[in-house]
């Protein structure tokens, strides 16, 4: 989706709530569904920092190792392509700065640099992975550690032509500040590329999308469209 030239919210602190979320029961355990937009909302008690604990990548916490994550994005194929191949195929043009939010394991940062984006920035929350990410991403990648959007508060507006966030948006408790900061950081005509589980009318709900302790929302296509338009994005496209 593309950034509009002019913002539409006078106060950047205004939360993005384009849907009032009239929640009702559904068949998915620990979720309720919005009768207005079709988004599933987790009812489980969730700690916003739970998925970012120090040992996130270890088997002890039921997560993949960072090496397995590399395999997931650059070796595992669905419909004939890897995740990173699919992402690179969605990028409309190259050049200018690029930012990846939640950049571990670093494979995509290297691809972006090799494709002509410069400078290339990556954000992650766990400093203990700095050496691994830097080695994987290459010396040209600039790494920042902390939580988005706070970590980018001092970066100038319009610094990036491309912002990428993969498998992250479903974890975000407050999508408003996330999207408004993406809009602020993008140049006019810049591209925001999100990858997340979504539901569409008439499509069978995929069970693996739902993880109430982590996936705060399983957004509907309708709600994602509403949020992006409210935040000032246009030329919104969806793919699978």
C-alpha atoms as a PDB file:
ATOM      1  CA  UNK A   1       0.000   0.000   0.000  1.00  0.00           C
ATOM      2  CA  UNK A   2       1.145   3.539  -0.731  1.00  0.00           C
ATOM      3  CA  UNK A   3       1.435   6.522   1.565  1.00  0.00           C
ATOM      4  CA  UNK A   4      -0.733   9.544   0.757  1.00  0.00           C
ATOM      5  CA  UNK A   5       0.993  12.897   0.490  1.00  0.00           C
ATOM      6  CA  UNK A   6      -1.186  14.624   3.080  1.00  0.00           C
ATOM      7  CA  UNK A   7      -2.018  13.273   6.566  1.00  0.00           C
ATOM      8  CA  UNK A   8      -5.684  13.072   7.460  1.00  0.00           C
ATOM      9  CA  UNK A   9      -5.429  13.098  11.260  1.00  0.00           C
ATOM     10  CA  UNK A  10      -4.766  16.487  12.863  1.00  0.00           C
ATOM     11  CA  UNK A  11      -3.656  14.944  16.162  1.00  0.00           C
ATOM     12  CA  UNK A  12      -1.123  12.095  15.742  1.00  0.00           C
ATOM     13  CA  UNK A  13      -2.027  10.841  19.222  1.00  0.00           C
ATOM     14  CA  UNK A  14      -5.559  10.023  18.118  1.00  0.00           C
ATOM     15  CA  UNK A  15      -5.961   6.231  18.203  1.00  0.00           C
ATOM     16  CA  UNK A  16      -6.963   4.508  15.005  1.00  0.00           C
ATOM     17  CA  UNK A  17     -10.267   2.824  15.760  1.00  0.00           C
ATOM     18  CA  UNK A  18     -12.141   2.826  12.450  1.00  0.00           C
ATOM     19  CA  UNK A  19     -14.352  -0.008  13.712  1.00  0.00           C
ATOM     20  CA  UNK A  20     -16.106   0.089  17.081  1.00  0.00           C
ATOM     21  CA  UNK A  21     -15.746  -3.717  17.343  1.00  0.00           C
ATOM     22  CA  UNK A  22     -19.150  -4.994  18.383  1.00  0.00           C
ATOM     23  CA  UNK A  23     -17.892  -8.310  19.737  1.00  0.00           C
ATOM     24  CA  UNK A  24     -19.884 -11.490  19.985  1.00  0.00           C
ATOM     25  CA  UNK A  25     -19.196 -15.184  20.613  1.00  0.00           C
ATOM     26  CA  UNK A  26     -17.664 -17.403  17.955  1.00  0.00           C
ATOM     27  CA  UNK A  27     -16.559 -21.010  17.560  1.00  0.00           C
ATOM     28  CA  UNK A  28     -12.852 -20.260  18.084  1.00  0.00           C
ATOM     29  CA  UNK A  29     -11.785 -20.806  21.692  1.00  0.00           C
ATOM     30  CA  UNK A  30     -10.662 -17.683  23.596  1.00  0.00           C
ATOM     31  CA  UNK A  31     -11.718 -15.351  20.757  1.00  0.00           C
ATOM     32  CA  UNK A  32     -14.723 -13.211  20.022  1.00  0.00           C
ATOM     33  CA  UNK A  33     -15.640 -11.938  16.585  1.00  0.00           C
ATOM     34  CA  UNK A  34     -16.659  -8.435  15.554  1.00  0.00           C
ATOM     35  CA  UNK A  35     -20.066  -8.483  13.924  1.00  0.00           C
ATOM     36  CA  UNK A  36     -19.223  -5.265  12.069  1.00  0.00           C
ATOM     37  CA  UNK A  37     -15.879  -6.005  10.409  1.00  0.00           C
ATOM     38  CA  UNK A  38     -15.284  -9.728  10.986  1.00  0.00           C
ATOM     39  CA  UNK A  39     -12.072  -9.375  13.004  1.00  0.00           C
ATOM     40  CA  UNK A  40     -11.341 -11.961  15.691  1.00  0.00           C
ATOM     41  CA  UNK A  41     -10.194 -10.479  19.020  1.00  0.00           C
ATOM     42  CA  UNK A  42      -8.389 -12.511  21.671  1.00  0.00           C
ATOM     43  CA  UNK A  43     -10.056 -12.673  25.071  1.00  0.00           C
ATOM     44  CA  UNK A  44      -7.044 -14.342  26.712  1.00  0.00           C
ATOM     45  CA  UNK A  45      -4.990 -12.326  29.192  1.00  0.00           C
ATOM     46  CA  UNK A  46      -1.944 -11.261  27.239  1.00  0.00           C
ATOM     47  CA  UNK A  47       1.275  -9.647  28.397  1.00  0.00           C
ATOM     48  CA  UNK A  48       2.397  -7.276  25.613  1.00  0.00           C
ATOM     49  CA  UNK A  49       6.034  -8.215  26.273  1.00  0.00           C
ATOM     50  CA  UNK A  50       5.464 -11.965  26.564  1.00  0.00           C
ATOM     51  CA  UNK A  51       6.523 -12.807  23.031  1.00  0.00           C
ATOM     52  CA  UNK A  52       9.690 -10.750  23.418  1.00  0.00           C
ATOM     53  CA  UNK A  53      11.125 -12.454  26.480  1.00  0.00           C
ATOM     54  CA  UNK A  54      14.835 -13.202  26.390  1.00  0.00           C
ATOM     55  CA  UNK A  55      14.491 -16.865  25.424  1.00  0.00           C
ATOM     56  CA  UNK A  56      11.864 -16.363  22.709  1.00  0.00           C
ATOM     57  CA  UNK A  57      13.779 -18.410  20.160  1.00  0.00           C
ATOM     58  CA  UNK A  58      14.520 -21.436  22.373  1.00  0.00           C
ATOM     59  CA  UNK A  59      12.857 -24.841  22.290  1.00  0.00           C
ATOM     60  CA  UNK A  60      12.108 -24.528  26.009  1.00  0.00           C
ATOM     61  CA  UNK A  61       9.477 -21.910  25.172  1.00  0.00           C
ATOM     62  CA  UNK A  62       8.064 -23.867  22.269  1.00  0.00           C
ATOM     63  CA  UNK A  63       9.567 -21.553  19.662  1.00  0.00           C
ATOM     64  CA  UNK A  64      11.847 -22.200  16.724  1.00  0.00           C
ATOM     65  CA  UNK A  65      15.526 -21.448  16.991  1.00  0.00           C
ATOM     66  CA  UNK A  66      16.835 -18.516  15.001  1.00  0.00           C
ATOM     67  CA  UNK A  67      18.456 -20.966  12.562  1.00  0.00           C
ATOM     68  CA  UNK A  68      15.095 -22.633  12.034  1.00  0.00           C
ATOM     69  CA  UNK A  69      13.600 -19.198  11.463  1.00  0.00           C
ATOM     70  CA  UNK A  70      16.166 -18.628   8.717  1.00  0.00           C
ATOM     71  CA  UNK A  71      15.074 -21.909   7.151  1.00  0.00           C
ATOM     72  CA  UNK A  72      11.458 -20.790   7.404  1.00  0.00           C
ATOM     73  CA  UNK A  73      11.984 -17.604   5.405  1.00  0.00           C
ATOM     74  CA  UNK A  74      14.622 -18.705   2.890  1.00  0.00           C
ATOM     75  CA  UNK A  75      14.188 -22.468   2.366  1.00  0.00           C
ATOM     76  CA  UNK A  76      10.649 -23.567   3.189  1.00  0.00           C
ATOM     77  CA  UNK A  77       8.345 -23.176   0.184  1.00  0.00           C
ATOM     78  CA  UNK A  78       4.619 -22.669  -0.083  1.00  0.00           C
ATOM     79  CA  UNK A  79       3.031 -22.499  -3.528  1.00  0.00           C
ATOM     80  CA  UNK A  80       6.501 -22.787  -5.015  1.00  0.00           C
ATOM     81  CA  UNK A  81       8.137 -19.777  -3.333  1.00  0.00           C
ATOM     82  CA  UNK A  82       9.859 -19.015  -0.051  1.00  0.00           C
ATOM     83  CA  UNK A  83       8.515 -16.280   2.203  1.00  0.00           C
ATOM     84  CA  UNK A  84      11.349 -13.892   1.331  1.00  0.00           C
ATOM     85  CA  UNK A  85      11.011 -14.620  -2.382  1.00  0.00           C
ATOM     86  CA  UNK A  86       7.337 -13.751  -2.149  1.00  0.00           C
ATOM     87  CA  UNK A  87       8.109 -10.532  -0.266  1.00  0.00           C
ATOM     88  CA  UNK A  88      10.731  -9.427  -2.774  1.00  0.00           C
ATOM     89  CA  UNK A  89       8.244 -10.051  -5.553  1.00  0.00           C
ATOM     90  CA  UNK A  90       5.768  -7.618  -3.963  1.00  0.00           C
ATOM     91  CA  UNK A  91       8.197  -4.701  -3.796  1.00  0.00           C
ATOM     92  CA  UNK A  92       7.358  -2.009  -6.308  1.00  0.00           C
ATOM     93  CA  UNK A  93      10.681  -0.517  -7.325  1.00  0.00           C
ATOM     94  CA  UNK A  94      13.987  -0.279  -5.487  1.00  0.00           C
ATOM     95  CA  UNK A  95      16.172   2.493  -4.201  1.00  0.00           C
ATOM     96  CA  UNK A  96      16.022   4.756  -1.195  1.00  0.00           C
ATOM     97  CA  UNK A  97      16.002   3.667   2.411  1.00  0.00           C
ATOM     98  CA  UNK A  98      14.338   0.497   3.668  1.00  0.00           C
ATOM     99  CA  UNK A  99      13.240  -0.462   7.177  1.00  0.00           C
ATOM    100  CA  UNK A 100      12.306  -3.913   8.452  1.00  0.00           C
ATOM    101  CA  UNK A 101      10.424  -4.039  11.749  1.00  0.00           C
ATOM    102  CA  UNK A 102      11.195  -7.265  13.665  1.00  0.00           C
ATOM    103  CA  UNK A 103      14.182  -8.015  11.456  1.00  0.00           C
ATOM    104  CA  UNK A 104      15.528 -11.256  12.970  1.00  0.00           C
ATOM    105  CA  UNK A 105      17.088 -13.350  11.552  1.00  0.00           C
ATOM    106  CA  UNK A 106      18.416 -10.713   9.122  1.00  0.00           C
ATOM    107  CA  UNK A 107      18.067 -12.563   5.811  1.00  0.00           C
ATOM    108  CA  UNK A 108      15.630 -10.064   4.329  1.00  0.00           C
ATOM    109  CA  UNK A 109      17.814  -7.077   5.225  1.00  0.00           C
ATOM    110  CA  UNK A 110      20.609  -8.505   3.105  1.00  0.00           C
ATOM    111  CA  UNK A 111      18.211  -9.137   0.218  1.00  0.00           C
ATOM    112  CA  UNK A 112      16.937  -5.568   0.406  1.00  0.00           C
ATOM    113  CA  UNK A 113      20.449  -4.143   0.309  1.00  0.00           C
ATOM    114  CA  UNK A 114      21.407  -6.405  -2.598  1.00  0.00           C
ATOM    115  CA  UNK A 115      18.277  -5.197  -4.422  1.00  0.00           C
ATOM    116  CA  UNK A 116      19.500  -1.590  -4.259  1.00  0.00           C
ATOM    117  CA  UNK A 117      17.926  -0.179  -1.111  1.00  0.00           C
ATOM    118  CA  UNK A 118      20.232   2.056   0.905  1.00  0.00           C
ATOM    119  CA  UNK A 119      20.465   2.696   3.750  1.00  0.00           C
ATOM    120  CA  UNK A 120      18.901  -0.458   5.188  1.00  0.00           C
ATOM    121  CA  UNK A 121      17.681  -0.397   8.801  1.00  0.00           C
ATOM    122  CA  UNK A 122      16.384  -3.235  10.969  1.00  0.00           C
ATOM    123  CA  UNK A 123      14.597  -3.153  14.312  1.00  0.00           C
ATOM    124  CA  UNK A 124      14.503  -5.973  16.827  1.00  0.00           C
ATOM    125  CA  UNK A 125      13.780  -6.152  20.551  1.00  0.00           C
ATOM    126  CA  UNK A 126      16.494  -8.510  21.782  1.00  0.00           C
ATOM    127  CA  UNK A 127      20.039  -7.148  21.811  1.00  0.00           C
ATOM    128  CA  UNK A 128      21.434 -10.611  22.458  1.00  0.00           C
ATOM    129  CA  UNK A 129      20.853 -11.403  18.784  1.00  0.00           C
ATOM    130  CA  UNK A 130      22.805  -8.391  17.507  1.00  0.00           C
ATOM    131  CA  UNK A 131      25.865 -10.397  16.421  1.00  0.00           C
ATOM    132  CA  UNK A 132      23.837 -13.051  14.629  1.00  0.00           C
ATOM    133  CA  UNK A 133      21.566 -10.572  12.855  1.00  0.00           C
ATOM    134  CA  UNK A 134      24.489  -8.363  11.832  1.00  0.00           C
ATOM    135  CA  UNK A 135      26.439 -11.299  10.440  1.00  0.00           C
ATOM    136  CA  UNK A 136      23.417 -12.495   8.481  1.00  0.00           C
ATOM    137  CA  UNK A 137      22.276  -9.069   7.286  1.00  0.00           C
ATOM    138  CA  UNK A 138      25.747  -7.845   6.379  1.00  0.00           C
ATOM    139  CA  UNK A 139      27.830  -4.891   7.546  1.00  0.00           C
ATOM    140  CA  UNK A 140      25.724  -2.412   5.563  1.00  0.00           C
ATOM    141  CA  UNK A 141      22.649  -3.011   7.744  1.00  0.00           C
ATOM    142  CA  UNK A 142      22.005  -0.550  10.554  1.00  0.00           C
ATOM    143  CA  UNK A 143      20.411  -2.226  13.579  1.00  0.00           C
ATOM    144  CA  UNK A 144      18.230  -0.667  16.261  1.00  0.00           C
ATOM    145  CA  UNK A 145      16.943  -2.429  19.354  1.00  0.00           C
ATOM    146  CA  UNK A 146      13.738  -1.573  21.174  1.00  0.00           C
ATOM    147  CA  UNK A 147      10.004  -1.406  20.609  1.00  0.00           C
ATOM    148  CA  UNK A 148       8.421   0.132  17.543  1.00  0.00           C
ATOM    149  CA  UNK A 149       7.198   2.855  17.285  1.00  0.00           C
ATOM    150  CA  UNK A 150       9.088   4.356  20.244  1.00  0.00           C
ATOM    151  CA  UNK A 151      12.486   3.299  18.913  1.00  0.00           C
ATOM    152  CA  UNK A 152      12.132   5.387  15.731  1.00  0.00           C
ATOM    153  CA  UNK A 153      10.869   8.595  17.368  1.00  0.00           C
ATOM    154  CA  UNK A 154      14.058  10.517  16.507  1.00  0.00           C
ATOM    155  CA  UNK A 155      14.247   9.411  12.876  1.00  0.00           C
ATOM    156  CA  UNK A 156      13.293  12.142  10.439  1.00  0.00           C
ATOM    157  CA  UNK A 157       9.955  11.948   8.607  1.00  0.00           C
ATOM    158  CA  UNK A 158      10.102  10.575   5.086  1.00  0.00           C
ATOM    159  CA  UNK A 159      13.322   8.647   5.683  1.00  0.00           C
ATOM    160  CA  UNK A 160      12.287   5.429   3.936  1.00  0.00           C
ATOM    161  CA  UNK A 161      10.947   4.323   0.582  1.00  0.00           C
ATOM    162  CA  UNK A 162       9.972   0.904   1.955  1.00  0.00           C
ATOM    163  CA  UNK A 163       8.872  -0.432   5.337  1.00  0.00           C
ATOM    164  CA  UNK A 164       8.391  -4.170   5.841  1.00  0.00           C
ATOM    165  CA  UNK A 165       6.821  -5.971   8.821  1.00  0.00           C
ATOM    166  CA  UNK A 166       6.347  -9.726   8.503  1.00  0.00           C
ATOM    167  CA  UNK A 167       4.328 -11.861  10.927  1.00  0.00           C
ATOM    168  CA  UNK A 168       4.127  -8.974  13.382  1.00  0.00           C
ATOM    169  CA  UNK A 169       0.914  -6.997  12.949  1.00  0.00           C
ATOM    170  CA  UNK A 170      -1.257  -9.700  14.514  1.00  0.00           C
ATOM    171  CA  UNK A 171       0.751  -9.288  17.748  1.00  0.00           C
ATOM    172  CA  UNK A 172       0.254  -5.513  17.968  1.00  0.00           C
ATOM    173  CA  UNK A 173      -2.028  -4.445  20.813  1.00  0.00           C
ATOM    174  CA  UNK A 174      -2.534  -0.901  19.507  1.00  0.00           C
ATOM    175  CA  UNK A 175      -2.322  -0.792  15.694  1.00  0.00           C
ATOM    176  CA  UNK A 176      -2.929   2.970  15.587  1.00  0.00           C
ATOM    177  CA  UNK A 177       0.505   4.260  16.643  1.00  0.00           C
ATOM    178  CA  UNK A 178       2.137   1.496  14.596  1.00  0.00           C
ATOM    179  CA  UNK A 179       0.496   2.652  11.374  1.00  0.00           C
ATOM    180  CA  UNK A 180       0.819   6.383  12.012  1.00  0.00           C
ATOM    181  CA  UNK A 181       4.551   5.982  12.643  1.00  0.00           C
ATOM    182  CA  UNK A 182       4.920   3.954   9.442  1.00  0.00           C
ATOM    183  CA  UNK A 183       3.151   6.760   7.603  1.00  0.00           C
ATOM    184  CA  UNK A 184       5.416   9.376   9.182  1.00  0.00           C
ATOM    185  CA  UNK A 185       8.594   7.506   8.274  1.00  0.00           C
ATOM    186  CA  UNK A 186       7.644   6.822   4.652  1.00  0.00           C
ATOM    187  CA  UNK A 187       8.371   9.180   1.801  1.00  0.00           C
ATOM    188  CA  UNK A 188       5.387  10.327  -0.236  1.00  0.00           C
ATOM    189  CA  UNK A 189       4.597   7.386  -2.495  1.00  0.00           C
ATOM    190  CA  UNK A 190       6.550   4.998  -0.276  1.00  0.00           C
ATOM    191  CA  UNK A 191       5.422   1.410   0.242  1.00  0.00           C
ATOM    192  CA  UNK A 192       4.375  -0.390   3.421  1.00  0.00           C
ATOM    193  CA  UNK A 193       4.430  -4.180   3.124  1.00  0.00           C
ATOM    194  CA  UNK A 194       2.694  -6.176   5.865  1.00  0.00           C
ATOM    195  CA  UNK A 195       2.405  -9.947   6.135  1.00  0.00           C
ATOM    196  CA  UNK A 196      -0.160 -11.266   8.614  1.00  0.00           C
ATOM    197  CA  UNK A 197      -2.904 -13.873   8.995  1.00  0.00           C
ATOM    198  CA  UNK A 198      -6.270 -12.487   7.860  1.00  0.00           C
ATOM    199  CA  UNK A 199      -9.802 -13.731   7.354  1.00  0.00           C
ATOM    200  CA  UNK A 200     -12.076 -12.965   4.425  1.00  0.00           C
ATOM    201  CA  UNK A 201     -15.840 -13.425   3.977  1.00  0.00           C
ATOM    202  CA  UNK A 202     -16.676 -16.798   2.516  1.00  0.00           C
ATOM    203  CA  UNK A 203     -13.239 -18.274   3.221  1.00  0.00           C
ATOM    204  CA  UNK A 204     -12.683 -21.106   5.662  1.00  0.00           C
ATOM    205  CA  UNK A 205     -11.017 -19.974   8.881  1.00  0.00           C
ATOM    206  CA  UNK A 206      -7.490 -21.394   9.149  1.00  0.00           C
ATOM    207  CA  UNK A 207      -6.948 -22.922  12.590  1.00  0.00           C
ATOM    208  CA  UNK A 208      -3.231 -22.136  12.749  1.00  0.00           C
ATOM    209  CA  UNK A 209      -4.002 -18.400  12.549  1.00  0.00           C
ATOM    210  CA  UNK A 210      -5.343 -18.488  16.093  1.00  0.00           C
ATOM    211  CA  UNK A 211      -3.032 -18.316  19.096  1.00  0.00           C
ATOM    212  CA  UNK A 212      -4.856 -16.269  21.745  1.00  0.00           C
ATOM    213  CA  UNK A 213      -1.815 -15.723  23.973  1.00  0.00           C
ATOM    214  CA  UNK A 214       0.055 -14.057  21.094  1.00  0.00           C
ATOM    215  CA  UNK A 215      -2.265 -13.224  18.199  1.00  0.00           C
ATOM    216  CA  UNK A 216      -4.170 -10.352  19.767  1.00  0.00           C
ATOM    217  CA  UNK A 217      -6.129  -9.855  16.557  1.00  0.00           C
ATOM    218  CA  UNK A 218      -6.814 -11.993  13.543  1.00  0.00           C
ATOM    219  CA  UNK A 219      -7.832  -9.081  11.376  1.00  0.00           C
ATOM    220  CA  UNK A 220     -10.350  -9.232   8.590  1.00  0.00           C
ATOM    221  CA  UNK A 221      -9.474  -7.849   5.177  1.00  0.00           C
ATOM    222  CA  UNK A 222     -12.215  -5.272   5.752  1.00  0.00           C
ATOM    223  CA  UNK A 223     -10.684  -4.044   9.009  1.00  0.00           C
ATOM    224  CA  UNK A 224      -7.127  -3.891   7.648  1.00  0.00           C
ATOM    225  CA  UNK A 225      -8.424  -1.828   4.728  1.00  0.00           C
ATOM    226  CA  UNK A 226     -10.285   0.509   7.078  1.00  0.00           C
ATOM    227  CA  UNK A 227      -7.208   1.043   9.273  1.00  0.00           C
ATOM    228  CA  UNK A 228      -4.874   1.690   6.365  1.00  0.00           C
ATOM    229  CA  UNK A 229      -7.235   4.144   4.706  1.00  0.00           C
ATOM    230  CA  UNK A 230      -7.781   5.983   7.993  1.00  0.00           C
ATOM    231  CA  UNK A 231      -4.009   6.191   8.484  1.00  0.00           C
ATOM    232  CA  UNK A 232      -3.596   7.805   5.081  1.00  0.00           C
ATOM    233  CA  UNK A 233      -2.514   4.924   2.844  1.00  0.00           C
ATOM    234  CA  UNK A 234      -3.859   4.343  -0.642  1.00  0.00           C
ATOM    235  CA  UNK A 235      -3.380   1.844  -3.499  1.00  0.00           C
ATOM    236  CA  UNK A 236      -4.009  -0.971  -1.021  1.00  0.00           C
ATOM    237  CA  UNK A 237      -3.442  -4.473  -2.418  1.00  0.00           C
ATOM    238  CA  UNK A 238      -3.817  -7.948  -0.939  1.00  0.00           C
ATOM    239  CA  UNK A 239      -2.208 -11.243  -1.910  1.00  0.00           C
ATOM    240  CA  UNK A 240      -1.826 -14.747  -0.561  1.00  0.00           C
END
